[in-house]
Protein backbone atom coordinates (compact mmCIF):
# COMPACT_ATOMS: atom_id res chain seq x y z
CA MET A 1 90.52 -44.23 -133.07
CA GLN A 2 94.30 -43.79 -132.86
CA LEU A 3 96.14 -44.43 -136.08
CA GLN A 4 99.76 -45.30 -136.61
CA ILE A 5 101.35 -45.75 -140.03
CA THR A 6 104.80 -47.32 -140.37
CA GLY A 7 107.01 -47.95 -143.40
CA ARG A 8 109.67 -50.64 -143.25
CA HIS A 9 112.48 -50.32 -145.79
CA MET A 10 110.55 -47.61 -147.60
CA GLU A 11 109.54 -43.99 -147.43
CA LEU A 12 105.77 -43.27 -147.01
CA SER A 13 104.41 -40.74 -149.43
CA LYS A 14 101.87 -38.12 -148.35
CA ALA A 15 99.32 -39.68 -150.78
CA LEU A 16 99.73 -43.14 -149.22
CA LYS A 17 99.31 -41.72 -145.64
CA GLU A 18 96.15 -39.83 -146.71
CA ARG A 19 94.70 -42.89 -148.48
CA THR A 20 95.40 -45.03 -145.45
CA GLN A 21 93.59 -42.59 -143.17
CA ARG A 22 90.56 -42.52 -145.50
CA GLU A 23 90.38 -46.27 -145.77
CA LEU A 24 90.71 -46.86 -142.03
CA ALA A 25 88.10 -44.20 -141.21
CA GLN A 26 85.60 -46.51 -142.96
CA PHE A 27 86.20 -49.20 -140.31
CA GLU A 28 84.04 -47.33 -137.79
CA ARG A 29 81.03 -48.02 -140.00
CA PHE A 30 81.56 -51.78 -139.29
CA PHE A 31 82.56 -51.66 -135.64
CA ASP A 32 81.99 -48.73 -133.28
CA ASN A 33 84.67 -49.05 -130.56
CA ILE A 34 87.95 -49.40 -132.30
CA VAL A 35 90.73 -48.44 -129.91
CA TYR A 36 93.64 -48.19 -132.31
CA ALA A 37 94.89 -49.26 -135.77
CA HIS A 38 98.46 -49.80 -136.84
CA VAL A 39 99.46 -50.19 -140.51
CA THR A 40 102.85 -51.38 -141.57
CA PHE A 41 103.94 -51.14 -145.17
CA SER A 42 107.03 -52.94 -146.38
CA GLU A 43 108.81 -53.39 -149.67
CA GLU A 44 109.19 -56.94 -150.99
CA LYS A 45 111.44 -58.18 -153.75
CA VAL A 46 108.38 -58.09 -155.99
CA GLY A 47 105.70 -55.63 -154.93
CA ALA A 48 104.74 -54.51 -151.45
CA GLN A 49 103.00 -55.82 -148.26
CA ALA A 50 100.53 -54.16 -145.95
CA MET A 51 99.96 -55.51 -142.38
CA LEU A 52 96.96 -54.18 -140.50
CA GLU A 53 96.48 -54.60 -136.71
CA VAL A 54 93.28 -53.32 -135.15
CA LYS A 55 92.47 -53.43 -131.40
CA VAL A 56 88.79 -53.78 -130.40
CA TYR A 57 87.58 -54.54 -126.81
CA GLY A 58 90.66 -56.45 -125.72
CA ASP A 59 90.92 -58.41 -129.03
CA VAL A 60 93.54 -57.71 -131.61
CA LEU A 61 92.61 -58.47 -135.18
CA THR A 62 95.48 -58.82 -137.66
CA VAL A 63 95.49 -59.20 -141.45
CA GLY A 64 98.18 -58.91 -144.12
CA ALA A 65 98.12 -58.66 -147.91
CA LYS A 66 100.61 -58.47 -150.72
CA GLY A 67 100.17 -56.38 -153.83
CA ASP A 68 102.02 -54.92 -156.78
CA ASN A 69 102.37 -51.56 -154.94
CA PRO A 70 101.58 -50.25 -151.49
CA PHE A 71 98.17 -48.91 -152.61
CA ALA A 72 97.08 -52.30 -153.97
CA ALA A 73 98.28 -54.07 -150.83
CA LEU A 74 96.40 -51.49 -148.70
CA GLU A 75 93.23 -52.11 -150.69
CA LEU A 76 93.36 -55.91 -150.21
CA ALA A 77 94.26 -55.59 -146.51
CA THR A 78 91.41 -53.21 -145.76
CA ASP A 79 88.93 -55.47 -147.52
CA LYS A 80 90.06 -58.41 -145.45
CA MET A 81 89.93 -56.33 -142.23
CA LYS A 82 86.38 -55.18 -143.02
CA ARG A 83 85.26 -58.83 -143.29
CA ARG A 84 87.02 -59.65 -140.03
CA LEU A 85 85.41 -56.73 -138.27
CA LYS A 86 81.93 -57.80 -139.50
CA ASP A 87 82.62 -61.39 -138.36
CA HIS A 88 83.92 -60.24 -135.02
CA LYS A 89 80.83 -58.09 -134.45
CA GLU A 90 78.58 -60.96 -135.35
CA ARG A 91 80.45 -63.32 -132.98
CA LEU A 92 80.02 -60.79 -130.10
CA LYS A 93 76.29 -60.59 -130.89
CA GLU A 94 75.96 -64.37 -130.84
CA ARG A 95 77.79 -64.59 -127.51
CA LYS A 96 75.54 -61.94 -126.13
CA ARG A 97 72.46 -63.83 -127.41
CA HIS A 98 73.53 -67.08 -125.83
CA ALA A 99 74.74 -65.66 -122.53
CA SER A 100 73.22 -66.66 -119.24
CA PRO A 101 70.12 -64.76 -118.20
CA THR A 102 70.63 -61.59 -116.26
CA HIS A 103 69.41 -60.96 -112.75
CA GLU A 104 66.44 -58.98 -114.04
CA ALA A 105 65.40 -61.84 -116.31
CA LEU A 106 65.61 -64.24 -113.44
CA ASP A 107 63.62 -61.97 -111.21
CA GLN A 108 60.85 -61.81 -113.82
CA MET A 109 60.76 -65.56 -114.08
CA ARG A 110 60.20 -66.10 -110.34
CA PRO A 111 56.70 -66.62 -109.14
CA PRO A 112 55.19 -63.67 -107.24
CA GLU A 113 55.65 -64.01 -103.41
CA SER A 114 52.62 -64.18 -101.28
CA GLY A 115 53.37 -62.07 -98.26
CA GLU A 116 50.14 -62.69 -96.36
């Protein structure tokens, strides 16, 4: 997974970058094929905001959270994203379960041909 961390109107500390990498590494437990993740931190008048954008299989999942500091905002945003990834994975499973039968399944349902 590619990871990009951006700070708007603020400098990113080494501790914040490392914490972000550790938190986002956990996403792969919830969803296997994450293409990239982009985290944007920004200073607010009161507190900080973290925006998370994760691309999986052509879909882009986005969440945002505000907190007292960038670490708190990151924690809230990663919790939201974990829920979104679980829900997205479940929706994909549901789609697969209710998909039309494959050619192999259709071949198995056909009565045997009598060639004689």
